[in-house]
Amino acid sequence: MKGILPLQSGKSPAGGGAGAGGRLFTFGLVTSWYASNIGVLLLNKYLLSNYGFRFPIFLTMCHMMACSILSYVAIAWFKLVPMQMVRSQVQFMKITSLSAIFCASVVSGNVSLKYLPVSFNQAVGATTPFFTAVFAYIMTLKREAWLTYVALIPVVTGVIIASGGEPSFHLFGFIMCIGATAARALKSVLQGILLSSEGEKLNSMNLLLYMAPIAVVLLLPATLYMEPNVLGFTIALARRDIRVVWYLSFNSSLAYFVNLTNFLVTKHTSALTLQVLGNAKGAVAVVVSILLFRNPVSVTGMLGYALTVIGVILYSEAKKGSK
């Protein structure tokens, strides 16, 4: 599961305060964002692939339950952001649609981690801008500058090269990872379309507050149908190894803090800074995962991933230049 809900908050002025104290605060936020993002990704991989907890839908549901509870605590109790209410049944249906696509993205991403190493998962996930551009054109007929589309060529080419050079390539895992990436981009585009009017705009923390419980309701029947023995297995496993309870609890809490730190970093820097930091985060996650899981990598695969990252950086610069 990568970066559980990468939503944009409203852009605020850069900087968390004046002087060294503000820079230190911002550095702490960025470090926390990196730690929670990479931590939840690596722990998902460990649980689903190495530890033997092969229930990605149930794991996603645990994440969403934690996000539901902690979002309410942060907004209603700690007043992190003002509470925004759902204004109409139509708006609620729009949020439900986004939640369904979000569920598909996260579940597919978790399934892919059962079969693919984190390094390759990150390489495929870096193609999100490609799918975002495609869906934006299909659904809004919005055209970018030609240089922006040219920058997407190395993004896709790099993944093709990385796929050919990946020693642990798994076709089903690759399809799931592509599906997760495409669904993440689709949700981003749809969010801009469905919640674009002033009366319907929700900041990322309030949107998570409403999406997470809907996701639990959607995931529960899917879990019961597709993973019918998950509760019995988890209880039996907990009796043998109580650590699984702590793994699931900590992992689910991290899933919320990914969203919280994403919101805070964007608030205290900018959405563009978050995008640049996100590109670097992917590279850090690759290095850390290789060191931890010792998955084999090839020179071809690493060159392909590097080409993809370069393409994403060029795409970001082209987008910035076209505004």
C-alpha atoms as a PDB file:
ATOM      1  CA  MET A   1       0.000   0.000   0.000  1.00  0.00           C
ATOM      2  CA  LYS A   2       1.545   3.140  -1.114  1.00  0.00           C
ATOM      3  CA  GLY A   3       0.926   6.516   0.247  1.00  0.00           C
ATOM      4  CA  ILE A   4      -2.691   5.475   1.408  1.00  0.00           C
ATOM      5  CA  LEU A   5      -4.619   8.667   0.400  1.00  0.00           C
ATOM      6  CA  PRO A   6      -2.484  11.185  -1.495  1.00  0.00           C
ATOM      7  CA  LEU A   7      -4.939  14.079  -1.447  1.00  0.00           C
ATOM      8  CA  GLN A   8      -4.150  17.723  -1.829  1.00  0.00           C
ATOM      9  CA  SER A   9      -4.941  20.172   0.892  1.00  0.00           C
ATOM     10  CA  GLY A  10      -5.277  23.834   0.194  1.00  0.00           C
ATOM     11  CA  LYS A  11      -1.933  25.354  -0.537  1.00  0.00           C
ATOM     12  CA  SER A  12      -0.630  27.676   2.134  1.00  0.00           C
ATOM     13  CA  PRO A  13       2.349  29.917   2.357  1.00  0.00           C
ATOM     14  CA  ALA A  14       5.623  28.085   2.558  1.00  0.00           C
ATOM     15  CA  GLY A  15       7.371  27.650   5.852  1.00  0.00           C
ATOM     16  CA  GLY A  16       6.253  26.458   9.252  1.00  0.00           C
ATOM     17  CA  GLY A  17       7.394  29.597  11.041  1.00  0.00           C
ATOM     18  CA  ALA A  18      10.159  32.128  11.119  1.00  0.00           C
ATOM     19  CA  GLY A  19      13.846  31.400  11.523  1.00  0.00           C
ATOM     20  CA  ALA A  20      15.610  28.219  12.575  1.00  0.00           C
ATOM     21  CA  GLY A  21      12.657  27.049  14.677  1.00  0.00           C
ATOM     22  CA  GLY A  22      10.374  27.078  11.649  1.00  0.00           C
ATOM     23  CA  ARG A  23      12.914  25.225   9.495  1.00  0.00           C
ATOM     24  CA  LEU A  24      13.402  22.626  12.223  1.00  0.00           C
ATOM     25  CA  PHE A  25       9.636  22.179  12.517  1.00  0.00           C
ATOM     26  CA  THR A  26       9.284  21.708   8.758  1.00  0.00           C
ATOM     27  CA  PHE A  27      12.208  19.265   8.725  1.00  0.00           C
ATOM     28  CA  GLY A  28      10.505  17.265  11.476  1.00  0.00           C
ATOM     29  CA  LEU A  29       7.252  17.160   9.491  1.00  0.00           C
ATOM     30  CA  VAL A  30       9.031  15.973   6.350  1.00  0.00           C
ATOM     31  CA  THR A  31      10.940  13.342   8.314  1.00  0.00           C
ATOM     32  CA  SER A  32       7.702  12.116   9.885  1.00  0.00           C
ATOM     33  CA  TRP A  33       6.039  12.005   6.462  1.00  0.00           C
ATOM     34  CA  TYR A  34       8.911   9.965   5.028  1.00  0.00           C
ATOM     35  CA  ALA A  35       8.960   7.623   8.028  1.00  0.00           C
ATOM     36  CA  SER A  36       5.197   6.963   7.969  1.00  0.00           C
ATOM     37  CA  ASN A  37       5.052   6.516   4.171  1.00  0.00           C
ATOM     38  CA  ILE A  38       8.019   4.174   3.944  1.00  0.00           C
ATOM     39  CA  GLY A  39       7.122   2.475   7.217  1.00  0.00           C
ATOM     40  CA  VAL A  40       3.588   1.498   6.181  1.00  0.00           C
ATOM     41  CA  LEU A  41       4.848   0.320   2.782  1.00  0.00           C
ATOM     42  CA  LEU A  42       7.581  -1.889   4.244  1.00  0.00           C
ATOM     43  CA  LEU A  43       5.348  -3.232   7.016  1.00  0.00           C
ATOM     44  CA  ASN A  44       2.656  -4.093   4.460  1.00  0.00           C
ATOM     45  CA  LYS A  45       5.278  -5.986   2.476  1.00  0.00           C
ATOM     46  CA  TYR A  46       6.524  -7.765   5.584  1.00  0.00           C
ATOM     47  CA  LEU A  47       3.044  -8.820   6.723  1.00  0.00           C
ATOM     48  CA  LEU A  48       1.735  -9.894   3.314  1.00  0.00           C
ATOM     49  CA  SER A  49       4.854 -11.540   1.925  1.00  0.00           C
ATOM     50  CA  ASN A  50       7.369 -12.414   4.623  1.00  0.00           C
ATOM     51  CA  TYR A  51       5.242 -12.867   7.748  1.00  0.00           C
ATOM     52  CA  GLY A  52       2.585 -14.920   5.981  1.00  0.00           C
ATOM     53  CA  PHE A  53      -0.456 -12.766   6.743  1.00  0.00           C
ATOM     54  CA  ARG A  54      -1.979 -13.185   3.267  1.00  0.00           C
ATOM     55  CA  PHE A  55      -5.145 -11.112   3.656  1.00  0.00           C
ATOM     56  CA  PRO A  56      -4.709  -7.813   1.779  1.00  0.00           C
ATOM     57  CA  ILE A  57      -8.423  -6.880   1.843  1.00  0.00           C
ATOM     58  CA  PHE A  58      -8.693  -7.362   5.608  1.00  0.00           C
ATOM     59  CA  LEU A  59      -5.440  -5.430   6.074  1.00  0.00           C
ATOM     60  CA  THR A  60      -6.856  -2.545   4.049  1.00  0.00           C
ATOM     61  CA  MET A  61     -10.040  -2.649   6.128  1.00  0.00           C
ATOM     62  CA  CYS A  62      -7.948  -2.381   9.314  1.00  0.00           C
ATOM     63  CA  HIS A  63      -6.254   0.689   7.830  1.00  0.00           C
ATOM     64  CA  MET A  64      -9.597   2.277   7.051  1.00  0.00           C
ATOM     65  CA  MET A  65     -10.981   1.542  10.521  1.00  0.00           C
ATOM     66  CA  ALA A  66      -7.971   3.268  12.068  1.00  0.00           C
ATOM     67  CA  CYS A  67      -8.362   6.212   9.672  1.00  0.00           C
ATOM     68  CA  SER A  68     -12.040   6.510  10.603  1.00  0.00           C
ATOM     69  CA  ILE A  69     -11.372   6.614  14.352  1.00  0.00           C
ATOM     70  CA  LEU A  70      -8.231   8.767  14.294  1.00  0.00           C
ATOM     71  CA  SER A  71      -9.708  11.224  11.770  1.00  0.00           C
ATOM     72  CA  TYR A  72     -12.670  11.824  14.061  1.00  0.00           C
ATOM     73  CA  VAL A  73     -10.388  12.261  17.084  1.00  0.00           C
ATOM     74  CA  ALA A  74      -8.121  14.716  15.215  1.00  0.00           C
ATOM     75  CA  ILE A  75     -10.974  16.841  13.861  1.00  0.00           C
ATOM     76  CA  ALA A  76     -13.710  16.624  16.510  1.00  0.00           C
ATOM     77  CA  TRP A  77     -11.527  16.507  19.616  1.00  0.00           C
ATOM     78  CA  PHE A  78      -8.210  18.131  18.764  1.00  0.00           C
ATOM     79  CA  LYS A  79      -9.687  20.595  16.223  1.00  0.00           C
ATOM     80  CA  LEU A  80      -6.798  19.997  13.807  1.00  0.00           C
ATOM     81  CA  VAL A  81      -8.969  21.456  11.052  1.00  0.00           C
ATOM     82  CA  PRO A  82     -12.535  22.806  11.157  1.00  0.00           C
ATOM     83  CA  MET A  83     -15.223  20.182  10.707  1.00  0.00           C
ATOM     84  CA  GLN A  84     -16.768  20.348   7.220  1.00  0.00           C
ATOM     85  CA  MET A  85     -20.217  18.827   6.826  1.00  0.00           C
ATOM     86  CA  VAL A  86     -21.576  16.866   3.858  1.00  0.00           C
ATOM     87  CA  ARG A  87     -24.097  19.266   2.362  1.00  0.00           C
ATOM     88  CA  SER A  88     -26.291  17.013   0.239  1.00  0.00           C
ATOM     89  CA  GLN A  89     -27.096  13.456  -0.780  1.00  0.00           C
ATOM     90  CA  VAL A  90     -25.483  14.162  -4.147  1.00  0.00           C
ATOM     91  CA  GLN A  91     -22.230  15.169  -2.475  1.00  0.00           C
ATOM     92  CA  PHE A  92     -22.399  12.032  -0.318  1.00  0.00           C
ATOM     93  CA  MET A  93     -22.769   9.860  -3.431  1.00  0.00           C
ATOM     94  CA  LYS A  94     -19.754  11.573  -4.973  1.00  0.00           C
ATOM     95  CA  ILE A  95     -17.693  10.841  -1.857  1.00  0.00           C
ATOM     96  CA  THR A  96     -18.908   7.220  -1.948  1.00  0.00           C
ATOM     97  CA  SER A  97     -17.771   6.898  -5.574  1.00  0.00           C
ATOM     98  CA  LEU A  98     -14.340   8.256  -4.676  1.00  0.00           C
ATOM     99  CA  SER A  99     -14.158   5.875  -1.724  1.00  0.00           C
ATOM    100  CA  ALA A 100     -14.913   2.863  -3.955  1.00  0.00           C
ATOM    101  CA  ILE A 101     -12.124   3.799  -6.374  1.00  0.00           C
ATOM    102  CA  PHE A 102      -9.828   4.466  -3.432  1.00  0.00           C
ATOM    103  CA  CYS A 103     -10.579   0.989  -2.038  1.00  0.00           C
ATOM    104  CA  ALA A 104      -9.777  -0.594  -5.399  1.00  0.00           C
ATOM    105  CA  SER A 105      -6.475   1.282  -5.497  1.00  0.00           C
ATOM    106  CA  VAL A 106      -5.340   0.354  -1.997  1.00  0.00           C
ATOM    107  CA  VAL A 107      -6.439  -3.287  -2.179  1.00  0.00           C
ATOM    108  CA  SER A 108      -4.755  -3.735  -5.566  1.00  0.00           C
ATOM    109  CA  GLY A 109      -1.590  -2.140  -4.214  1.00  0.00           C
ATOM    110  CA  ASN A 110      -1.569  -4.450  -1.198  1.00  0.00           C
ATOM    111  CA  VAL A 111      -2.204  -7.506  -3.375  1.00  0.00           C
ATOM    112  CA  SER A 112       0.723  -6.529  -5.604  1.00  0.00           C
ATOM    113  CA  LEU A 113       3.024  -6.448  -2.564  1.00  0.00           C
ATOM    114  CA  LYS A 114       2.396 -10.178  -2.085  1.00  0.00           C
ATOM    115  CA  TYR A 115       4.089 -10.863  -5.413  1.00  0.00           C
ATOM    116  CA  LEU A 116       6.429  -7.956  -6.178  1.00  0.00           C
ATOM    117  CA  PRO A 117       9.374  -6.455  -4.294  1.00  0.00           C
ATOM    118  CA  VAL A 118       8.895  -2.942  -2.932  1.00  0.00           C
ATOM    119  CA  SER A 119      11.548  -1.584  -5.302  1.00  0.00           C
ATOM    120  CA  PHE A 120       9.622  -2.660  -8.406  1.00  0.00           C
ATOM    121  CA  ASN A 121       6.311  -1.646  -6.830  1.00  0.00           C
ATOM    122  CA  GLN A 122       7.700   1.872  -6.418  1.00  0.00           C
ATOM    123  CA  ALA A 123       8.934   1.938 -10.012  1.00  0.00           C
ATOM    124  CA  VAL A 124       5.452   1.143 -11.315  1.00  0.00           C
ATOM    125  CA  GLY A 125       3.841   3.567  -8.861  1.00  0.00           C
ATOM    126  CA  ALA A 126       6.003   6.370 -10.238  1.00  0.00           C
ATOM    127  CA  THR A 127       3.943   6.240 -13.463  1.00  0.00           C
ATOM    128  CA  THR A 128       0.986   7.908 -11.692  1.00  0.00           C
ATOM    129  CA  PRO A 129       1.501  11.182 -13.641  1.00  0.00           C
ATOM    130  CA  PHE A 130       1.078   9.265 -16.912  1.00  0.00           C
ATOM    131  CA  PHE A 131      -2.308   7.852 -15.889  1.00  0.00           C
ATOM    132  CA  THR A 132      -3.349  11.202 -14.419  1.00  0.00           C
ATOM    133  CA  ALA A 133      -2.631  12.939 -17.725  1.00  0.00           C
ATOM    134  CA  VAL A 134      -4.523  10.255 -19.667  1.00  0.00           C
ATOM    135  CA  PHE A 135      -7.614  10.354 -17.430  1.00  0.00           C
ATOM    136  CA  ALA A 136      -7.596  14.163 -17.321  1.00  0.00           C
ATOM    137  CA  TYR A 137      -7.634  14.267 -21.123  1.00  0.00           C
ATOM    138  CA  ILE A 138     -10.327  11.570 -21.471  1.00  0.00           C
ATOM    139  CA  MET A 139     -12.652  13.000 -18.811  1.00  0.00           C
ATOM    140  CA  THR A 140     -12.136  16.749 -19.180  1.00  0.00           C
ATOM    141  CA  LEU A 141     -10.545  17.048 -22.636  1.00  0.00           C
ATOM    142  CA  LYS A 142      -7.902  19.156 -20.918  1.00  0.00           C
ATOM    143  CA  ARG A 143      -4.752  19.323 -23.005  1.00  0.00           C
ATOM    144  CA  GLU A 144      -1.342  19.964 -21.544  1.00  0.00           C
ATOM    145  CA  ALA A 145       1.560  21.624 -23.335  1.00  0.00           C
ATOM    146  CA  TRP A 146       3.292  19.251 -25.765  1.00  0.00           C
ATOM    147  CA  LEU A 147       6.454  19.322 -23.621  1.00  0.00           C
ATOM    148  CA  THR A 148       4.466  17.875 -20.727  1.00  0.00           C
ATOM    149  CA  TYR A 149       3.438  14.851 -22.787  1.00  0.00           C
ATOM    150  CA  VAL A 150       6.989  14.415 -24.096  1.00  0.00           C
ATOM    151  CA  ALA A 151       8.204  14.228 -20.482  1.00  0.00           C
ATOM    152  CA  LEU A 152       5.910  11.219 -19.937  1.00  0.00           C
ATOM    153  CA  ILE A 153       7.829   9.147 -22.498  1.00  0.00           C
ATOM    154  CA  PRO A 154      10.768   8.350 -20.158  1.00  0.00           C
ATOM    155  CA  VAL A 155       8.259   7.657 -17.348  1.00  0.00           C
ATOM    156  CA  VAL A 156       6.663   4.793 -19.303  1.00  0.00           C
ATOM    157  CA  THR A 157       9.891   3.693 -21.010  1.00  0.00           C
ATOM    158  CA  GLY A 158      11.625   3.380 -17.665  1.00  0.00           C
ATOM    159  CA  VAL A 159       8.956   1.016 -16.300  1.00  0.00           C
ATOM    160  CA  ILE A 160       9.132  -1.111 -19.456  1.00  0.00           C
ATOM    161  CA  ILE A 161      12.911  -1.383 -19.032  1.00  0.00           C
ATOM    162  CA  ALA A 162      12.558  -2.073 -15.288  1.00  0.00           C
ATOM    163  CA  SER A 163       9.984  -4.810 -15.992  1.00  0.00           C
ATOM    164  CA  GLY A 164      12.312  -6.556 -18.403  1.00  0.00           C
ATOM    165  CA  GLY A 165      15.177  -6.383 -15.934  1.00  0.00           C
ATOM    166  CA  GLU A 166      13.235  -7.330 -12.775  1.00  0.00           C
ATOM    167  CA  PRO A 167      14.432 -10.734 -11.440  1.00  0.00           C
ATOM    168  CA  SER A 168      11.277 -11.146  -9.309  1.00  0.00           C
ATOM    169  CA  PHE A 169       8.783 -10.100 -12.001  1.00  0.00           C
ATOM    170  CA  HIS A 170       5.305 -11.594 -11.476  1.00  0.00           C
ATOM    171  CA  LEU A 171       2.636 -10.939 -14.125  1.00  0.00           C
ATOM    172  CA  PHE A 172      -0.378 -10.947 -11.795  1.00  0.00           C
ATOM    173  CA  GLY A 173       1.410  -8.747  -9.268  1.00  0.00           C
ATOM    174  CA  PHE A 174       2.391  -6.375 -12.082  1.00  0.00           C
ATOM    175  CA  ILE A 175      -1.229  -6.160 -13.300  1.00  0.00           C
ATOM    176  CA  MET A 176      -2.413  -5.428  -9.759  1.00  0.00           C
ATOM    177  CA  CYS A 177       0.245  -2.743  -9.329  1.00  0.00           C
ATOM    178  CA  ILE A 178      -0.690  -1.082 -12.637  1.00  0.00           C
ATOM    179  CA  GLY A 179      -4.350  -1.245 -11.590  1.00  0.00           C
ATOM    180  CA  ALA A 180      -3.554   0.374  -8.242  1.00  0.00           C
ATOM    181  CA  THR A 181      -1.599   3.160  -9.925  1.00  0.00           C
ATOM    182  CA  ALA A 182      -4.327   3.807 -12.506  1.00  0.00           C
ATOM    183  CA  ALA A 183      -7.052   3.822  -9.826  1.00  0.00           C
ATOM    184  CA  ARG A 184      -5.051   6.276  -7.718  1.00  0.00           C
ATOM    185  CA  ALA A 185      -4.766   8.622 -10.702  1.00  0.00           C
ATOM    186  CA  LEU A 186      -8.463   8.193 -11.563  1.00  0.00           C
ATOM    187  CA  LYS A 187      -9.484   9.123  -8.013  1.00  0.00           C
ATOM    188  CA  SER A 188      -7.325  12.237  -8.169  1.00  0.00           C
ATOM    189  CA  VAL A 189      -8.904  13.383 -11.435  1.00  0.00           C
ATOM    190  CA  LEU A 190     -12.458  12.517 -10.322  1.00  0.00           C
ATOM    191  CA  GLN A 191     -11.954  14.343  -7.045  1.00  0.00           C
ATOM    192  CA  GLY A 192     -11.131  17.511  -8.967  1.00  0.00           C
ATOM    193  CA  ILE A 193     -14.259  17.078 -11.103  1.00  0.00           C
ATOM    194  CA  LEU A 194     -16.789  15.915  -8.513  1.00  0.00           C
ATOM    195  CA  LEU A 195     -15.819  18.211  -5.642  1.00  0.00           C
ATOM    196  CA  SER A 196     -14.819  21.264  -7.653  1.00  0.00           C
ATOM    197  CA  SER A 197     -17.601  23.689  -6.678  1.00  0.00           C
ATOM    198  CA  GLU A 198     -16.975  25.974  -3.712  1.00  0.00           C
ATOM    199  CA  GLY A 199     -19.846  24.449  -1.750  1.00  0.00           C
ATOM    200  CA  GLU A 200     -18.488  20.924  -2.124  1.00  0.00           C
ATOM    201  CA  LYS A 201     -14.756  21.381  -1.583  1.00  0.00           C
ATOM    202  CA  LEU A 202     -13.383  19.391   1.327  1.00  0.00           C
ATOM    203  CA  ASN A 203      -9.829  19.521   2.638  1.00  0.00           C
ATOM    204  CA  SER A 204      -8.002  16.196   2.632  1.00  0.00           C
ATOM    205  CA  MET A 205      -8.529  15.475   6.343  1.00  0.00           C
ATOM    206  CA  ASN A 206     -12.310  15.979   6.178  1.00  0.00           C
ATOM    207  CA  LEU A 207     -12.513  13.970   2.970  1.00  0.00           C
ATOM    208  CA  LEU A 208     -10.677  11.124   4.706  1.00  0.00           C
ATOM    209  CA  LEU A 209     -13.081  11.439   7.665  1.00  0.00           C
ATOM    210  CA  TYR A 210     -16.010  10.621   5.358  1.00  0.00           C
ATOM    211  CA  MET A 211     -14.277   8.256   2.932  1.00  0.00           C
ATOM    212  CA  ALA A 212     -12.710   5.931   5.508  1.00  0.00           C
ATOM    213  CA  PRO A 213     -15.939   4.624   7.150  1.00  0.00           C
ATOM    214  CA  ILE A 214     -17.534   4.216   3.708  1.00  0.00           C
ATOM    215  CA  ALA A 215     -14.476   2.190   2.719  1.00  0.00           C
ATOM    216  CA  VAL A 216     -14.942  -0.057   5.772  1.00  0.00           C
ATOM    217  CA  VAL A 217     -18.560  -0.717   4.769  1.00  0.00           C
ATOM    218  CA  LEU A 218     -17.457  -1.553   1.204  1.00  0.00           C
ATOM    219  CA  LEU A 219     -14.536  -3.729   2.276  1.00  0.00           C
ATOM    220  CA  LEU A 220     -16.353  -5.768   4.943  1.00  0.00           C
ATOM    221  CA  PRO A 221     -18.462  -7.911   2.551  1.00  0.00           C
ATOM    222  CA  ALA A 222     -15.477  -8.260   0.223  1.00  0.00           C
ATOM    223  CA  THR A 223     -13.387  -9.536   3.126  1.00  0.00           C
ATOM    224  CA  LEU A 224     -16.067 -11.974   4.299  1.00  0.00           C
ATOM    225  CA  TYR A 225     -16.522 -13.341   0.761  1.00  0.00           C
ATOM    226  CA  MET A 226     -12.939 -13.435  -0.501  1.00  0.00           C
ATOM    227  CA  GLU A 227     -11.098 -14.011   2.801  1.00  0.00           C
ATOM    228  CA  PRO A 228     -13.682 -15.997   4.818  1.00  0.00           C
ATOM    229  CA  ASN A 229     -11.164 -17.556   7.234  1.00  0.00           C
ATOM    230  CA  VAL A 230      -9.311 -14.343   8.108  1.00  0.00           C
ATOM    231  CA  LEU A 231     -10.738 -13.889  11.622  1.00  0.00           C
ATOM    232  CA  GLY A 232     -10.125 -17.502  12.631  1.00  0.00           C
ATOM    233  CA  PHE A 233      -6.618 -17.376  11.188  1.00  0.00           C
ATOM    234  CA  THR A 234      -5.805 -14.082  12.903  1.00  0.00           C
ATOM    235  CA  ILE A 235      -7.094 -15.265  16.296  1.00  0.00           C
ATOM    236  CA  ALA A 236      -5.168 -18.541  16.012  1.00  0.00           C
ATOM    237  CA  LEU A 237      -2.057 -16.653  14.922  1.00  0.00           C
ATOM    238  CA  ALA A 238      -2.407 -14.194  17.822  1.00  0.00           C
ATOM    239  CA  ARG A 239      -2.535 -17.082  20.288  1.00  0.00           C
ATOM    240  CA  ARG A 240       0.777 -18.347  18.914  1.00  0.00           C
ATOM    241  CA  ASP A 241       2.371 -14.965  18.345  1.00  0.00           C
ATOM    242  CA  ILE A 242       0.801 -11.925  20.051  1.00  0.00           C
ATOM    243  CA  ARG A 243       3.051  -9.677  17.963  1.00  0.00           C
ATOM    244  CA  VAL A 244       0.587  -9.912  15.062  1.00  0.00           C
ATOM    245  CA  VAL A 245      -1.867  -7.778  17.065  1.00  0.00           C
ATOM    246  CA  TRP A 246       0.783  -5.106  17.549  1.00  0.00           C
ATOM    247  CA  TYR A 247       1.852  -5.350  13.901  1.00  0.00           C
ATOM    248  CA  LEU A 248      -1.708  -4.785  12.695  1.00  0.00           C
ATOM    249  CA  SER A 249      -2.382  -1.991  15.199  1.00  0.00           C
ATOM    250  CA  PHE A 250       0.837  -0.139  14.450  1.00  0.00           C
ATOM    251  CA  ASN A 251       0.484  -0.657  10.709  1.00  0.00           C
ATOM    252  CA  SER A 252      -3.091   0.671  10.737  1.00  0.00           C
ATOM    253  CA  SER A 253      -2.101   3.711  12.797  1.00  0.00           C
ATOM    254  CA  LEU A 254       0.739   4.438  10.365  1.00  0.00           C
ATOM    255  CA  ALA A 255      -1.803   4.372   7.532  1.00  0.00           C
ATOM    256  CA  TYR A 256      -3.548   7.324   9.168  1.00  0.00           C
ATOM    257  CA  PHE A 257      -0.333   9.208   9.894  1.00  0.00           C
ATOM    258  CA  VAL A 258       0.591   8.967   6.204  1.00  0.00           C
ATOM    259  CA  ASN A 259      -2.456  11.133   5.496  1.00  0.00           C
ATOM    260  CA  LEU A 260      -1.925  13.413   8.482  1.00  0.00           C
ATOM    261  CA  THR A 261       1.721  14.159   7.672  1.00  0.00           C
ATOM    262  CA  ASN A 262       0.868  14.510   3.962  1.00  0.00           C
ATOM    263  CA  PHE A 263      -1.642  17.231   4.909  1.00  0.00           C
ATOM    264  CA  LEU A 264       0.720  18.994   7.323  1.00  0.00           C
ATOM    265  CA  VAL A 265       3.720  18.970   4.972  1.00  0.00           C
ATOM    266  CA  THR A 266       1.573  20.454   2.185  1.00  0.00           C
ATOM    267  CA  LYS A 267       0.159  23.046   4.582  1.00  0.00           C
ATOM    268  CA  HIS A 268       3.569  24.173   5.831  1.00  0.00           C
ATOM    269  CA  THR A 269       5.391  24.000   2.481  1.00  0.00           C
ATOM    270  CA  SER A 270       3.460  23.684  -0.784  1.00  0.00           C
ATOM    271  CA  ALA A 271       1.884  21.063  -3.017  1.00  0.00           C
ATOM    272  CA  LEU A 272       4.821  21.396  -5.424  1.00  0.00           C
ATOM    273  CA  THR A 273       7.346  20.807  -2.637  1.00  0.00           C
ATOM    274  CA  LEU A 274       5.362  17.731  -1.630  1.00  0.00           C
ATOM    275  CA  GLN A 275       5.586  16.425  -5.195  1.00  0.00           C
ATOM    276  CA  VAL A 276       9.357  16.910  -5.311  1.00  0.00           C
ATOM    277  CA  LEU A 277       9.777  15.277  -1.894  1.00  0.00           C
ATOM    278  CA  GLY A 278       7.548  12.426  -3.065  1.00  0.00           C
ATOM    279  CA  ASN A 279       9.870  11.688  -5.966  1.00  0.00           C
ATOM    280  CA  ALA A 280      12.810  11.461  -3.577  1.00  0.00           C
ATOM    281  CA  LYS A 281      10.757   9.363  -1.132  1.00  0.00           C
ATOM    282  CA  GLY A 282      10.269   6.682  -3.772  1.00  0.00           C
ATOM    283  CA  ALA A 283      14.016   6.380  -4.267  1.00  0.00           C
ATOM    284  CA  VAL A 284      14.596   6.206  -0.497  1.00  0.00           C
ATOM    285  CA  ALA A 285      11.922   3.491  -0.171  1.00  0.00           C
ATOM    286  CA  VAL A 286      13.644   1.453  -2.900  1.00  0.00           C
ATOM    287  CA  VAL A 287      17.030   1.605  -1.162  1.00  0.00           C
ATOM    288  CA  VAL A 288      15.603   0.807   2.277  1.00  0.00           C
ATOM    289  CA  SER A 289      13.531  -2.120   0.966  1.00  0.00           C
ATOM    290  CA  ILE A 290      16.511  -3.649  -0.829  1.00  0.00           C
ATOM    291  CA  LEU A 291      18.610  -3.386   2.340  1.00  0.00           C
ATOM    292  CA  LEU A 292      15.854  -4.899   4.518  1.00  0.00           C
ATOM    293  CA  PHE A 293      14.400  -7.623   2.296  1.00  0.00           C
ATOM    294  CA  ARG A 294      17.536  -8.405   0.265  1.00  0.00           C
ATOM    295  CA  ASN A 295      15.453  -8.813  -2.884  1.00  0.00           C
ATOM    296  CA  PRO A 296      17.609  -9.288  -5.990  1.00  0.00           C
ATOM    297  CA  VAL A 297      17.933  -6.310  -8.305  1.00  0.00           C
ATOM    298  CA  SER A 298      19.525  -5.946 -11.701  1.00  0.00           C
ATOM    299  CA  VAL A 299      21.429  -3.074 -13.246  1.00  0.00           C
ATOM    300  CA  THR A 300      18.805  -2.958 -16.010  1.00  0.00           C
ATOM    301  CA  GLY A 301      15.996  -2.720 -13.478  1.00  0.00           C
ATOM    302  CA  MET A 302      17.672   0.093 -11.543  1.00  0.00           C
ATOM    303  CA  LEU A 303      18.423   1.996 -14.754  1.00  0.00           C
ATOM    304  CA  GLY A 304      14.778   1.655 -15.748  1.00  0.00           C
ATOM    305  CA  TYR A 305      13.600   2.969 -12.393  1.00  0.00           C
ATOM    306  CA  ALA A 306      16.090   5.855 -12.566  1.00  0.00           C
ATOM    307  CA  LEU A 307      14.758   6.759 -16.022  1.00  0.00           C
ATOM    308  CA  THR A 308      11.203   6.759 -14.661  1.00  0.00           C
ATOM    309  CA  VAL A 309      12.147   9.078 -11.781  1.00  0.00           C
ATOM    310  CA  ILE A 310      13.924  11.434 -14.199  1.00  0.00           C
ATOM    311  CA  GLY A 311      10.776  11.434 -16.346  1.00  0.00           C
ATOM    312  CA  VAL A 312       8.596  12.302 -13.347  1.00  0.00           C
ATOM    313  CA  ILE A 313      10.912  15.189 -12.437  1.00  0.00           C
ATOM    314  CA  LEU A 314      10.828  16.468 -16.035  1.00  0.00           C
ATOM    315  CA  TYR A 315       7.037  16.140 -16.031  1.00  0.00           C
ATOM    316  CA  SER A 316       6.786  18.168 -12.815  1.00  0.00           C
ATOM    317  CA  GLU A 317       9.006  20.876 -14.275  1.00  0.00           C
ATOM    318  CA  ALA A 318       7.027  20.934 -17.528  1.00  0.00           C
ATOM    319  CA  LYS A 319       3.743  21.245 -15.608  1.00  0.00           C
ATOM    320  CA  LYS A 320       5.192  24.062 -13.528  1.00  0.00           C
ATOM    321  CA  GLY A 321       6.440  25.854 -16.632  1.00  0.00           C
ATOM    322  CA  SER A 322       3.084  25.595 -18.398  1.00  0.00           C
ATOM    323  CA  LYS A 323       1.189  27.366 -15.580  1.00  0.00           C
END
